[in-house]
Amino acid sequence: MVATRRSELTGPRTSEVRSVELRDPGYGEVLIQVLVSGVCASEVAEWTAGPAAPDSALALGHEPVGEVAAVGPGIAAVRVGDIVTGRVDASFADHTIGDVRDLVVVPPGVEPAEALGEPLGCVVEALRRTRLDTGDRVAVVGTGFMGLVLLQLLRHAGTRQVVAIDPRPDAREQALIHGADAAASPGEMGSPAVGDFDVVVEASGTAPGLDLATTLVRPHGVLSIMGYHQGPRSVDLHTWNWKAIDVVNAHVRDRDRLRDSVRRGIDLVAAGRIDVGALITHRFGLEEVDAAFEALVAKEPGFVKAAIVW
């Protein structure tokens, strides 16, 4: 057993750091001492609502980078002392237990804050699943953290032009820094740009963003949905049909595919092709998880990504 501290959601928008006992890692598992853990928008709804039962608690966080502190039986891929990353739940904690199938060893020279593997893997997988041809004109709708990582990848992808679209002026400025050839607000994307893009990646997770992406993609083009939509959406299926577009659900739920994309993404970081660390603009301690979520929800000018750091 390992004594550790863990942030637990105890009520709506209310977290508490508690002392907990973690079991020893089992077969195929590792104990990870967390060094940094990203704060993901996909958990905002849970943080806002609180635990399902009044007397229960919920452990959030799933984007850790950490040092292997102990390994269970049957482990050969990682060793104690390795820095690893991948999708591991309950990672707003000093220690957490992960399955080796979900982990990638971070190469020497890559700092923990540069190696947020889970969101990086999601973006890499989205691009791998999106049909992209040399010389394509691409639009990215939504330039939060995920959209900005995608822009960094697209500038090495043989595109003719990449246009970033976001309602926030500071987000558009960040887009130009991280690989976009041009940036515009949604209201500026009128004719002749309408229907002129070979590939449109929707990265906003909003209904207006999805509607705009539908408008911007050309006939027989590709609409790739990378944004995380947490509720029902009405789509213009008539336009999708009339344009004969390919619609890609760019999310990944297969753990082996995600791990492979995490590995590819970390290799790109190590090669200097992309810079994830530069996108972490707000850092918080373990006792400040609620403040980190508040910063994520508020998105004040200059905000891109919050992380819990040790």
C-alpha atoms as a PDB file:
ATOM      1  CA  MET A   1       0.000   0.000   0.000  1.00  0.00           C
ATOM      2  CA  VAL A   2       1.115   3.541  -0.761  1.00  0.00           C
ATOM      3  CA  ALA A   3      -0.030   6.590   1.182  1.00  0.00           C
ATOM      4  CA  THR A   4      -0.640   9.529  -1.124  1.00  0.00           C
ATOM      5  CA  ARG A   5      -2.633  12.733  -1.586  1.00  0.00           C
ATOM      6  CA  ARG A   6      -5.439  12.938  -4.137  1.00  0.00           C
ATOM      7  CA  SER A   7      -7.785  15.729  -5.146  1.00  0.00           C
ATOM      8  CA  GLU A   8     -11.382  14.493  -4.981  1.00  0.00           C
ATOM      9  CA  LEU A   9     -14.498  16.237  -6.209  1.00  0.00           C
ATOM     10  CA  THR A  10     -16.833  16.405  -3.216  1.00  0.00           C
ATOM     11  CA  GLY A  11     -19.539  18.743  -4.533  1.00  0.00           C
ATOM     12  CA  PRO A  12     -20.385  20.997  -7.477  1.00  0.00           C
ATOM     13  CA  ARG A  13     -17.205  22.910  -8.401  1.00  0.00           C
ATOM     14  CA  THR A  14     -15.692  21.857  -5.063  1.00  0.00           C
ATOM     15  CA  SER A  15     -12.598  19.685  -4.641  1.00  0.00           C
ATOM     16  CA  GLU A  16     -10.696  18.590  -1.557  1.00  0.00           C
ATOM     17  CA  VAL A  17      -7.215  17.119  -1.211  1.00  0.00           C
ATOM     18  CA  ARG A  18      -7.453  13.931   0.832  1.00  0.00           C
ATOM     19  CA  SER A  19      -4.995  11.346   2.086  1.00  0.00           C
ATOM     20  CA  VAL A  20      -5.705   7.949   0.519  1.00  0.00           C
ATOM     21  CA  GLU A  21      -4.122   4.509   0.485  1.00  0.00           C
ATOM     22  CA  LEU A  22      -3.358   3.101  -2.958  1.00  0.00           C
ATOM     23  CA  ARG A  23      -3.022  -0.628  -3.402  1.00  0.00           C
ATOM     24  CA  ASP A  24       0.193  -2.013  -4.833  1.00  0.00           C
ATOM     25  CA  PRO A  25       0.245  -2.238  -8.633  1.00  0.00           C
ATOM     26  CA  GLY A  26      -1.103  -5.536  -9.940  1.00  0.00           C
ATOM     27  CA  TYR A  27      -0.211  -7.592 -12.996  1.00  0.00           C
ATOM     28  CA  GLY A  28       0.609  -5.300 -15.907  1.00  0.00           C
ATOM     29  CA  GLU A  29       0.250  -2.163 -13.757  1.00  0.00           C
ATOM     30  CA  VAL A  30       2.649   0.540 -12.625  1.00  0.00           C
ATOM     31  CA  LEU A  31       2.629   3.044  -9.791  1.00  0.00           C
ATOM     32  CA  ILE A  32       3.239   6.540 -11.158  1.00  0.00           C
ATOM     33  CA  GLN A  33       4.468   9.520  -9.178  1.00  0.00           C
ATOM     34  CA  VAL A  34       2.704  12.326 -11.030  1.00  0.00           C
ATOM     35  CA  LEU A  35       4.797  15.312 -12.135  1.00  0.00           C
ATOM     36  CA  VAL A  36       2.234  17.207 -14.214  1.00  0.00           C
ATOM     37  CA  SER A  37      -1.368  16.551 -15.241  1.00  0.00           C
ATOM     38  CA  GLY A  38      -3.340  18.496 -17.806  1.00  0.00           C
ATOM     39  CA  VAL A  39      -6.793  19.891 -17.070  1.00  0.00           C
ATOM     40  CA  CYS A  40      -9.210  18.772 -19.779  1.00  0.00           C
ATOM     41  CA  ALA A  41     -12.411  20.477 -20.916  1.00  0.00           C
ATOM     42  CA  SER A  42     -14.092  17.075 -21.167  1.00  0.00           C
ATOM     43  CA  GLU A  43     -14.263  16.987 -17.346  1.00  0.00           C
ATOM     44  CA  VAL A  44     -15.807  20.442 -16.914  1.00  0.00           C
ATOM     45  CA  ALA A  45     -19.338  18.991 -16.877  1.00  0.00           C
ATOM     46  CA  GLU A  46     -18.457  16.544 -14.072  1.00  0.00           C
ATOM     47  CA  TRP A  47     -16.643  19.250 -12.113  1.00  0.00           C
ATOM     48  CA  THR A  48     -19.637  21.585 -12.479  1.00  0.00           C
ATOM     49  CA  ALA A  49     -22.220  18.976 -11.466  1.00  0.00           C
ATOM     50  CA  GLY A  50     -20.271  17.299  -8.682  1.00  0.00           C
ATOM     51  CA  PRO A  51     -20.459  13.605  -7.685  1.00  0.00           C
ATOM     52  CA  ALA A  52     -23.579  11.632  -8.551  1.00  0.00           C
ATOM     53  CA  ALA A  53     -24.341  10.915  -4.875  1.00  0.00           C
ATOM     54  CA  PRO A  54     -24.108  13.508  -2.071  1.00  0.00           C
ATOM     55  CA  ASP A  55     -21.884  11.332   0.127  1.00  0.00           C
ATOM     56  CA  SER A  56     -19.565  10.164  -2.662  1.00  0.00           C
ATOM     57  CA  ALA A  57     -16.405  11.626  -4.193  1.00  0.00           C
ATOM     58  CA  LEU A  58     -14.974  11.614  -7.696  1.00  0.00           C
ATOM     59  CA  ALA A  59     -11.299  11.595  -8.674  1.00  0.00           C
ATOM     60  CA  LEU A  60     -10.669  13.612 -11.838  1.00  0.00           C
ATOM     61  CA  GLY A  61      -7.662  14.048 -14.122  1.00  0.00           C
ATOM     62  CA  HIS A  62      -6.533  11.784 -16.977  1.00  0.00           C
ATOM     63  CA  GLU A  63      -3.592  13.548 -18.670  1.00  0.00           C
ATOM     64  CA  PRO A  64      -0.587  12.725 -16.464  1.00  0.00           C
ATOM     65  CA  VAL A  65       3.125  12.671 -16.999  1.00  0.00           C
ATOM     66  CA  GLY A  66       5.012  11.005 -14.186  1.00  0.00           C
ATOM     67  CA  GLU A  67       7.876   8.866 -12.956  1.00  0.00           C
ATOM     68  CA  VAL A  68       7.453   5.133 -12.525  1.00  0.00           C
ATOM     69  CA  ALA A  69       7.758   4.487  -8.783  1.00  0.00           C
ATOM     70  CA  ALA A  70       6.980   0.756  -8.772  1.00  0.00           C
ATOM     71  CA  VAL A  71       5.961  -1.954 -11.222  1.00  0.00           C
ATOM     72  CA  GLY A  72       3.686  -4.935 -10.830  1.00  0.00           C
ATOM     73  CA  PRO A  73       4.282  -8.472 -12.100  1.00  0.00           C
ATOM     74  CA  GLY A  74       4.668  -9.043 -15.831  1.00  0.00           C
ATOM     75  CA  ILE A  75       6.185  -5.643 -16.634  1.00  0.00           C
ATOM     76  CA  ALA A  76       9.045  -5.453 -19.125  1.00  0.00           C
ATOM     77  CA  ALA A  77       8.230  -2.351 -21.197  1.00  0.00           C
ATOM     78  CA  VAL A  78       8.949   0.188 -18.446  1.00  0.00           C
ATOM     79  CA  ARG A  79      11.304   0.379 -15.476  1.00  0.00           C
ATOM     80  CA  VAL A  80      11.332   2.212 -12.165  1.00  0.00           C
ATOM     81  CA  GLY A  81      12.599   5.737 -12.850  1.00  0.00           C
ATOM     82  CA  ASP A  82      11.204   5.971 -16.390  1.00  0.00           C
ATOM     83  CA  ILE A  83       9.118   9.040 -17.209  1.00  0.00           C
ATOM     84  CA  VAL A  84       5.848   7.911 -18.762  1.00  0.00           C
ATOM     85  CA  THR A  85       2.695   9.442 -20.153  1.00  0.00           C
ATOM     86  CA  GLY A  86      -0.663   8.309 -21.501  1.00  0.00           C
ATOM     87  CA  ARG A  87      -4.278   8.130 -20.426  1.00  0.00           C
ATOM     88  CA  VAL A  88      -4.478   7.306 -16.705  1.00  0.00           C
ATOM     89  CA  ASP A  89      -7.507   8.229 -14.611  1.00  0.00           C
ATOM     90  CA  ALA A  90      -7.474   9.798 -11.128  1.00  0.00           C
ATOM     91  CA  SER A  91      -4.284  11.670 -11.998  1.00  0.00           C
ATOM     92  CA  PHE A  92      -4.906  14.784  -9.884  1.00  0.00           C
ATOM     93  CA  ALA A  93      -2.886  13.034  -7.207  1.00  0.00           C
ATOM     94  CA  ASP A  94       0.662  12.600  -5.986  1.00  0.00           C
ATOM     95  CA  HIS A  95       0.488   8.981  -7.174  1.00  0.00           C
ATOM     96  CA  THR A  96      -1.826   6.997  -9.408  1.00  0.00           C
ATOM     97  CA  ILE A  97      -1.888   3.485 -10.869  1.00  0.00           C
ATOM     98  CA  GLY A  98      -1.825   2.973 -14.632  1.00  0.00           C
ATOM     99  CA  ASP A  99      -1.978   0.011 -16.992  1.00  0.00           C
ATOM    100  CA  VAL A 100       1.241  -0.444 -18.957  1.00  0.00           C
ATOM    101  CA  ARG A 101      -0.866  -0.865 -22.128  1.00  0.00           C
ATOM    102  CA  ASP A 102      -1.784   2.807 -21.894  1.00  0.00           C
ATOM    103  CA  LEU A 103       1.710   4.163 -21.272  1.00  0.00           C
ATOM    104  CA  VAL A 104       4.514   5.531 -23.427  1.00  0.00           C
ATOM    105  CA  VAL A 105       8.033   6.163 -22.143  1.00  0.00           C
ATOM    106  CA  VAL A 106       9.035   9.808 -22.599  1.00  0.00           C
ATOM    107  CA  PRO A 107      12.454  10.101 -24.311  1.00  0.00           C
ATOM    108  CA  PRO A 108      15.340  11.779 -22.479  1.00  0.00           C
ATOM    109  CA  GLY A 109      15.469  15.527 -23.071  1.00  0.00           C
ATOM    110  CA  VAL A 110      11.698  15.984 -23.204  1.00  0.00           C
ATOM    111  CA  GLU A 111      10.481  17.867 -20.141  1.00  0.00           C
ATOM    112  CA  PRO A 112       7.336  16.566 -18.376  1.00  0.00           C
ATOM    113  CA  ALA A 113       5.328  19.695 -19.269  1.00  0.00           C
ATOM    114  CA  GLU A 114       6.147  19.063 -22.947  1.00  0.00           C
ATOM    115  CA  ALA A 115       4.855  15.502 -22.818  1.00  0.00           C
ATOM    116  CA  LEU A 116       1.105  15.650 -22.110  1.00  0.00           C
ATOM    117  CA  GLY A 117       0.578  12.425 -24.005  1.00  0.00           C
ATOM    118  CA  GLU A 118      -3.185  11.837 -23.824  1.00  0.00           C
ATOM    119  CA  PRO A 119      -4.394  15.060 -25.501  1.00  0.00           C
ATOM    120  CA  LEU A 120      -1.439  14.968 -27.893  1.00  0.00           C
ATOM    121  CA  GLY A 121      -2.352  11.421 -28.884  1.00  0.00           C
ATOM    122  CA  CYS A 122      -5.971  12.421 -29.472  1.00  0.00           C
ATOM    123  CA  VAL A 123      -4.908  15.151 -31.908  1.00  0.00           C
ATOM    124  CA  VAL A 124      -2.399  12.895 -33.684  1.00  0.00           C
ATOM    125  CA  GLU A 125      -5.026  10.183 -34.055  1.00  0.00           C
ATOM    126  CA  ALA A 126      -7.529  12.724 -35.401  1.00  0.00           C
ATOM    127  CA  LEU A 127      -5.083  13.822 -38.082  1.00  0.00           C
ATOM    128  CA  ARG A 128      -4.201  10.222 -38.948  1.00  0.00           C
ATOM    129  CA  ARG A 129      -7.884   9.500 -39.535  1.00  0.00           C
ATOM    130  CA  THR A 130      -8.498  12.634 -41.599  1.00  0.00           C
ATOM    131  CA  ARG A 131      -7.852  12.214 -45.328  1.00  0.00           C
ATOM    132  CA  LEU A 132      -5.393  14.937 -46.282  1.00  0.00           C
ATOM    133  CA  ASP A 133      -3.757  15.323 -49.693  1.00  0.00           C
ATOM    134  CA  THR A 134      -0.670  17.283 -50.679  1.00  0.00           C
ATOM    135  CA  GLY A 135      -1.638  20.839 -51.563  1.00  0.00           C
ATOM    136  CA  ASP A 136      -4.960  20.800 -49.738  1.00  0.00           C
ATOM    137  CA  ARG A 137      -6.459  23.993 -48.360  1.00  0.00           C
ATOM    138  CA  VAL A 138      -7.441  23.384 -44.735  1.00  0.00           C
ATOM    139  CA  ALA A 139      -9.573  25.252 -42.209  1.00  0.00           C
ATOM    140  CA  VAL A 140      -9.439  24.628 -38.458  1.00  0.00           C
ATOM    141  CA  VAL A 141     -12.554  25.836 -36.622  1.00  0.00           C
ATOM    142  CA  GLY A 142     -11.657  26.408 -32.963  1.00  0.00           C
ATOM    143  CA  THR A 143      -8.117  27.151 -31.814  1.00  0.00           C
ATOM    144  CA  GLY A 144      -8.035  26.131 -28.185  1.00  0.00           C
ATOM    145  CA  PHE A 145      -5.315  23.772 -26.994  1.00  0.00           C
ATOM    146  CA  MET A 146      -6.294  20.893 -29.285  1.00  0.00           C
ATOM    147  CA  GLY A 147      -6.714  23.156 -32.298  1.00  0.00           C
ATOM    148  CA  LEU A 148      -3.309  24.741 -31.719  1.00  0.00           C
ATOM    149  CA  VAL A 149      -1.602  21.357 -31.465  1.00  0.00           C
ATOM    150  CA  LEU A 150      -3.300  20.407 -34.725  1.00  0.00           C
ATOM    151  CA  LEU A 151      -2.010  23.585 -36.383  1.00  0.00           C
ATOM    152  CA  GLN A 152       1.528  22.650 -35.367  1.00  0.00           C
ATOM    153  CA  LEU A 153       1.061  19.247 -37.002  1.00  0.00           C
ATOM    154  CA  LEU A 154      -0.531  20.656 -40.154  1.00  0.00           C
ATOM    155  CA  ARG A 155       2.384  22.956 -40.955  1.00  0.00           C
ATOM    156  CA  HIS A 156       4.457  19.808 -41.603  1.00  0.00           C
ATOM    157  CA  ALA A 157       1.722  18.058 -43.598  1.00  0.00           C
ATOM    158  CA  GLY A 158       2.204  19.475 -47.101  1.00  0.00           C
ATOM    159  CA  THR A 159      -0.835  21.745 -46.987  1.00  0.00           C
ATOM    160  CA  ARG A 160      -1.218  24.672 -49.401  1.00  0.00           C
ATOM    161  CA  GLN A 161      -2.876  26.935 -46.851  1.00  0.00           C
ATOM    162  CA  VAL A 162      -4.162  26.580 -43.291  1.00  0.00           C
ATOM    163  CA  VAL A 163      -6.761  29.056 -42.028  1.00  0.00           C
ATOM    164  CA  ALA A 164      -7.661  29.196 -38.334  1.00  0.00           C
ATOM    165  CA  ILE A 165     -11.109  30.398 -37.252  1.00  0.00           C
ATOM    166  CA  ASP A 166     -12.001  31.422 -33.709  1.00  0.00           C
ATOM    167  CA  PRO A 167     -14.182  34.177 -32.185  1.00  0.00           C
ATOM    168  CA  ARG A 168     -11.487  35.146 -29.651  1.00  0.00           C
ATOM    169  CA  PRO A 169      -8.815  37.614 -30.828  1.00  0.00           C
ATOM    170  CA  ASP A 170      -6.129  36.139 -28.563  1.00  0.00           C
ATOM    171  CA  ALA A 171      -6.861  32.643 -29.862  1.00  0.00           C
ATOM    172  CA  ARG A 172      -6.404  33.889 -33.419  1.00  0.00           C
ATOM    173  CA  GLU A 173      -3.087  35.460 -32.439  1.00  0.00           C
ATOM    174  CA  GLN A 174      -1.959  32.141 -30.965  1.00  0.00           C
ATOM    175  CA  ALA A 175      -3.046  30.376 -34.148  1.00  0.00           C
ATOM    176  CA  LEU A 176      -0.742  32.553 -36.252  1.00  0.00           C
ATOM    177  CA  ILE A 177       2.139  31.807 -33.881  1.00  0.00           C
ATOM    178  CA  HIS A 178       1.587  28.059 -34.023  1.00  0.00           C
ATOM    179  CA  GLY A 179       1.252  27.417 -37.723  1.00  0.00           C
ATOM    180  CA  ALA A 180      -1.790  29.052 -39.309  1.00  0.00           C
ATOM    181  CA  ASP A 181      -1.204  31.023 -42.517  1.00  0.00           C
ATOM    182  CA  ALA A 182      -4.220  33.194 -41.753  1.00  0.00           C
ATOM    183  CA  ALA A 183      -6.721  33.623 -38.941  1.00  0.00           C
ATOM    184  CA  ALA A 184     -10.257  34.983 -38.975  1.00  0.00           C
ATOM    185  CA  SER A 185     -13.341  35.316 -36.815  1.00  0.00           C
ATOM    186  CA  PRO A 186     -16.416  33.272 -37.803  1.00  0.00           C
ATOM    187  CA  GLY A 187     -18.127  36.429 -39.073  1.00  0.00           C
ATOM    188  CA  GLU A 188     -15.302  37.048 -41.519  1.00  0.00           C
ATOM    189  CA  MET A 189     -15.696  33.679 -43.233  1.00  0.00           C
ATOM    190  CA  GLY A 190     -18.135  34.798 -45.891  1.00  0.00           C
ATOM    191  CA  SER A 191     -18.036  34.392 -49.656  1.00  0.00           C
ATOM    192  CA  PRO A 192     -15.813  33.561 -51.516  1.00  0.00           C
ATOM    193  CA  ALA A 193     -14.365  31.416 -48.724  1.00  0.00           C
ATOM    194  CA  VAL A 194     -17.620  29.506 -48.236  1.00  0.00           C
ATOM    195  CA  GLY A 195     -17.335  25.970 -49.577  1.00  0.00           C
ATOM    196  CA  ASP A 196     -13.740  26.521 -50.652  1.00  0.00           C
ATOM    197  CA  PHE A 197     -11.780  24.278 -48.273  1.00  0.00           C
ATOM    198  CA  ASP A 198     -10.676  20.754 -49.158  1.00  0.00           C
ATOM    199  CA  VAL A 199     -10.570  19.759 -45.483  1.00  0.00           C
ATOM    200  CA  VAL A 200     -12.263  21.394 -42.502  1.00  0.00           C
ATOM    201  CA  VAL A 201     -11.453  20.222 -38.983  1.00  0.00           C
ATOM    202  CA  GLU A 202     -14.048  21.214 -36.391  1.00  0.00           C
ATOM    203  CA  ALA A 203     -12.169  21.599 -33.097  1.00  0.00           C
ATOM    204  CA  SER A 204     -14.548  23.848 -31.170  1.00  0.00           C
ATOM    205  CA  GLY A 205     -16.939  21.282 -29.708  1.00  0.00           C
ATOM    206  CA  THR A 206     -19.814  23.746 -30.290  1.00  0.00           C
ATOM    207  CA  ALA A 207     -22.927  23.682 -32.453  1.00  0.00           C
ATOM    208  CA  PRO A 208     -22.041  26.985 -34.208  1.00  0.00           C
ATOM    209  CA  GLY A 209     -18.565  25.631 -34.917  1.00  0.00           C
ATOM    210  CA  LEU A 210     -20.007  22.508 -36.491  1.00  0.00           C
ATOM    211  CA  ASP A 211     -22.437  24.570 -38.580  1.00  0.00           C
ATOM    212  CA  LEU A 212     -19.614  26.799 -39.794  1.00  0.00           C
ATOM    213  CA  ALA A 213     -17.478  23.784 -40.683  1.00  0.00           C
ATOM    214  CA  THR A 214     -20.383  22.437 -42.750  1.00  0.00           C
ATOM    215  CA  THR A 215     -20.532  25.720 -44.638  1.00  0.00           C
ATOM    216  CA  LEU A 216     -16.796  25.959 -45.298  1.00  0.00           C
ATOM    217  CA  VAL A 217     -16.082  22.491 -46.695  1.00  0.00           C
ATOM    218  CA  ARG A 218     -16.183  22.142 -50.469  1.00  0.00           C
ATOM    219  CA  PRO A 219     -18.244  19.525 -52.342  1.00  0.00           C
ATOM    220  CA  HIS A 220     -16.579  16.115 -52.036  1.00  0.00           C
ATOM    221  CA  GLY A 221     -14.321  17.543 -49.328  1.00  0.00           C
ATOM    222  CA  VAL A 222     -13.661  16.223 -45.826  1.00  0.00           C
ATOM    223  CA  LEU A 223     -15.312  17.404 -42.610  1.00  0.00           C
ATOM    224  CA  SER A 224     -13.415  16.015 -39.621  1.00  0.00           C
ATOM    225  CA  ILE A 225     -15.050  16.361 -36.211  1.00  0.00           C
ATOM    226  CA  MET A 226     -12.320  16.570 -33.570  1.00  0.00           C
ATOM    227  CA  GLY A 227     -14.289  18.777 -31.154  1.00  0.00           C
ATOM    228  CA  TYR A 228     -15.734  16.996 -28.136  1.00  0.00           C
ATOM    229  CA  HIS A 229     -19.523  17.431 -28.257  1.00  0.00           C
ATOM    230  CA  GLN A 230     -21.086  16.576 -24.908  1.00  0.00           C
ATOM    231  CA  GLY A 231     -24.733  16.921 -25.878  1.00  0.00           C
ATOM    232  CA  PRO A 232     -27.118  16.336 -28.805  1.00  0.00           C
ATOM    233  CA  ARG A 233     -26.420  18.241 -32.015  1.00  0.00           C
ATOM    234  CA  SER A 234     -28.648  19.036 -34.987  1.00  0.00           C
ATOM    235  CA  VAL A 235     -26.680  18.930 -38.231  1.00  0.00           C
ATOM    236  CA  ASP A 236     -27.523  20.121 -41.734  1.00  0.00           C
ATOM    237  CA  LEU A 237     -27.698  16.662 -43.252  1.00  0.00           C
ATOM    238  CA  HIS A 238     -29.192  18.105 -46.441  1.00  0.00           C
ATOM    239  CA  THR A 239     -25.987  20.071 -47.029  1.00  0.00           C
ATOM    240  CA  TRP A 240     -23.845  17.087 -46.076  1.00  0.00           C
ATOM    241  CA  ASN A 241     -25.744  15.016 -48.644  1.00  0.00           C
ATOM    242  CA  TRP A 242     -25.779  17.675 -51.349  1.00  0.00           C
ATOM    243  CA  LYS A 243     -22.052  18.359 -51.012  1.00  0.00           C
ATOM    244  CA  ALA A 244     -21.286  14.609 -50.923  1.00  0.00           C
ATOM    245  CA  ILE A 245     -18.703  15.231 -48.205  1.00  0.00           C
ATOM    246  CA  ASP A 246     -16.847  12.652 -46.146  1.00  0.00           C
ATOM    247  CA  VAL A 247     -17.614  13.148 -42.446  1.00  0.00           C
ATOM    248  CA  VAL A 248     -15.010  11.757 -40.057  1.00  0.00           C
ATOM    249  CA  ASN A 249     -15.581  11.090 -36.375  1.00  0.00           C
ATOM    250  CA  ALA A 250     -11.991  11.871 -35.392  1.00  0.00           C
ATOM    251  CA  HIS A 251     -12.202  10.578 -31.819  1.00  0.00           C
ATOM    252  CA  VAL A 252     -10.462   7.469 -30.548  1.00  0.00           C
ATOM    253  CA  ARG A 253     -11.650   4.976 -27.937  1.00  0.00           C
ATOM    254  CA  ASP A 254      -9.358   2.040 -28.762  1.00  0.00           C
ATOM    255  CA  ARG A 255      -6.571   2.098 -26.167  1.00  0.00           C
ATOM    256  CA  ASP A 256      -3.969   0.517 -28.449  1.00  0.00           C
ATOM    257  CA  ARG A 257      -4.606   3.063 -31.203  1.00  0.00           C
ATOM    258  CA  LEU A 258      -4.426   5.885 -28.686  1.00  0.00           C
ATOM    259  CA  ARG A 259      -1.139   4.607 -27.237  1.00  0.00           C
ATOM    260  CA  ASP A 260       0.368   4.372 -30.722  1.00  0.00           C
ATOM    261  CA  SER A 261      -0.694   7.938 -31.490  1.00  0.00           C
ATOM    262  CA  VAL A 262       0.688   9.107 -28.125  1.00  0.00           C
ATOM    263  CA  ARG A 263       4.017   7.502 -29.047  1.00  0.00           C
ATOM    264  CA  ARG A 264       4.030   9.178 -32.460  1.00  0.00           C
ATOM    265  CA  GLY A 265       3.188  12.529 -30.887  1.00  0.00           C
ATOM    266  CA  ILE A 266       5.914  12.273 -28.244  1.00  0.00           C
ATOM    267  CA  ASP A 267       8.408  11.363 -30.975  1.00  0.00           C
ATOM    268  CA  LEU A 268       7.421  14.558 -32.801  1.00  0.00           C
ATOM    269  CA  VAL A 269       7.972  16.550 -29.619  1.00  0.00           C
ATOM    270  CA  ALA A 270      11.392  14.942 -29.158  1.00  0.00           C
ATOM    271  CA  ALA A 271      12.257  15.771 -32.778  1.00  0.00           C
ATOM    272  CA  GLY A 272      11.372  19.431 -32.246  1.00  0.00           C
ATOM    273  CA  ARG A 273       8.478  19.329 -34.699  1.00  0.00           C
ATOM    274  CA  ILE A 274       5.848  20.468 -32.223  1.00  0.00           C
ATOM    275  CA  ASP A 275       5.913  22.313 -28.895  1.00  0.00           C
ATOM    276  CA  VAL A 276       3.206  21.271 -26.465  1.00  0.00           C
ATOM    277  CA  GLY A 277       4.841  22.870 -23.440  1.00  0.00           C
ATOM    278  CA  ALA A 278       4.476  26.352 -24.909  1.00  0.00           C
ATOM    279  CA  LEU A 279       0.700  25.925 -24.806  1.00  0.00           C
ATOM    280  CA  ILE A 280       0.529  25.418 -21.023  1.00  0.00           C
ATOM    281  CA  THR A 281      -0.218  28.974 -19.986  1.00  0.00           C
ATOM    282  CA  HIS A 282      -1.602  28.426 -16.472  1.00  0.00           C
ATOM    283  CA  ARG A 283      -0.055  26.250 -13.744  1.00  0.00           C
ATOM    284  CA  PHE A 284      -1.670  25.296 -10.434  1.00  0.00           C
ATOM    285  CA  GLY A 285      -0.848  23.177  -7.396  1.00  0.00           C
ATOM    286  CA  LEU A 286      -2.785  20.105  -6.281  1.00  0.00           C
ATOM    287  CA  GLU A 287      -4.766  22.228  -3.823  1.00  0.00           C
ATOM    288  CA  GLU A 288      -5.848  24.509  -6.676  1.00  0.00           C
ATOM    289  CA  VAL A 289      -7.756  22.114  -8.939  1.00  0.00           C
ATOM    290  CA  ASP A 290     -10.927  24.205  -8.676  1.00  0.00           C
ATOM    291  CA  ALA A 291      -9.016  27.362  -9.624  1.00  0.00           C
ATOM    292  CA  ALA A 292      -7.618  25.506 -12.636  1.00  0.00           C
ATOM    293  CA  PHE A 293     -11.117  24.545 -13.808  1.00  0.00           C
ATOM    294  CA  GLU A 294     -12.323  28.090 -13.201  1.00  0.00           C
ATOM    295  CA  ALA A 295      -9.533  29.399 -15.436  1.00  0.00           C
ATOM    296  CA  LEU A 296     -10.485  26.863 -18.098  1.00  0.00           C
ATOM    297  CA  VAL A 297     -14.134  27.896 -18.018  1.00  0.00           C
ATOM    298  CA  ALA A 298     -13.400  31.642 -17.955  1.00  0.00           C
ATOM    299  CA  LYS A 299     -10.808  31.551 -20.754  1.00  0.00           C
ATOM    300  CA  GLU A 300      -9.489  35.006 -20.017  1.00  0.00           C
ATOM    301  CA  PRO A 301      -7.286  36.509 -22.756  1.00  0.00           C
ATOM    302  CA  GLY A 302      -4.048  34.566 -22.987  1.00  0.00           C
ATOM    303  CA  PHE A 303      -5.457  31.294 -21.642  1.00  0.00           C
ATOM    304  CA  VAL A 304      -4.688  28.151 -23.642  1.00  0.00           C
ATOM    305  CA  LYS A 305      -4.134  25.219 -21.271  1.00  0.00           C
ATOM    306  CA  ALA A 306      -4.091  24.713 -17.501  1.00  0.00           C
ATOM    307  CA  ALA A 307      -2.068  22.022 -15.771  1.00  0.00           C
ATOM    308  CA  ILE A 308      -1.576  20.776 -12.237  1.00  0.00           C
ATOM    309  CA  VAL A 309       2.158  20.658 -11.494  1.00  0.00           C
ATOM    310  CA  TRP A 310       4.255  19.268  -8.654  1.00  0.00           C
END
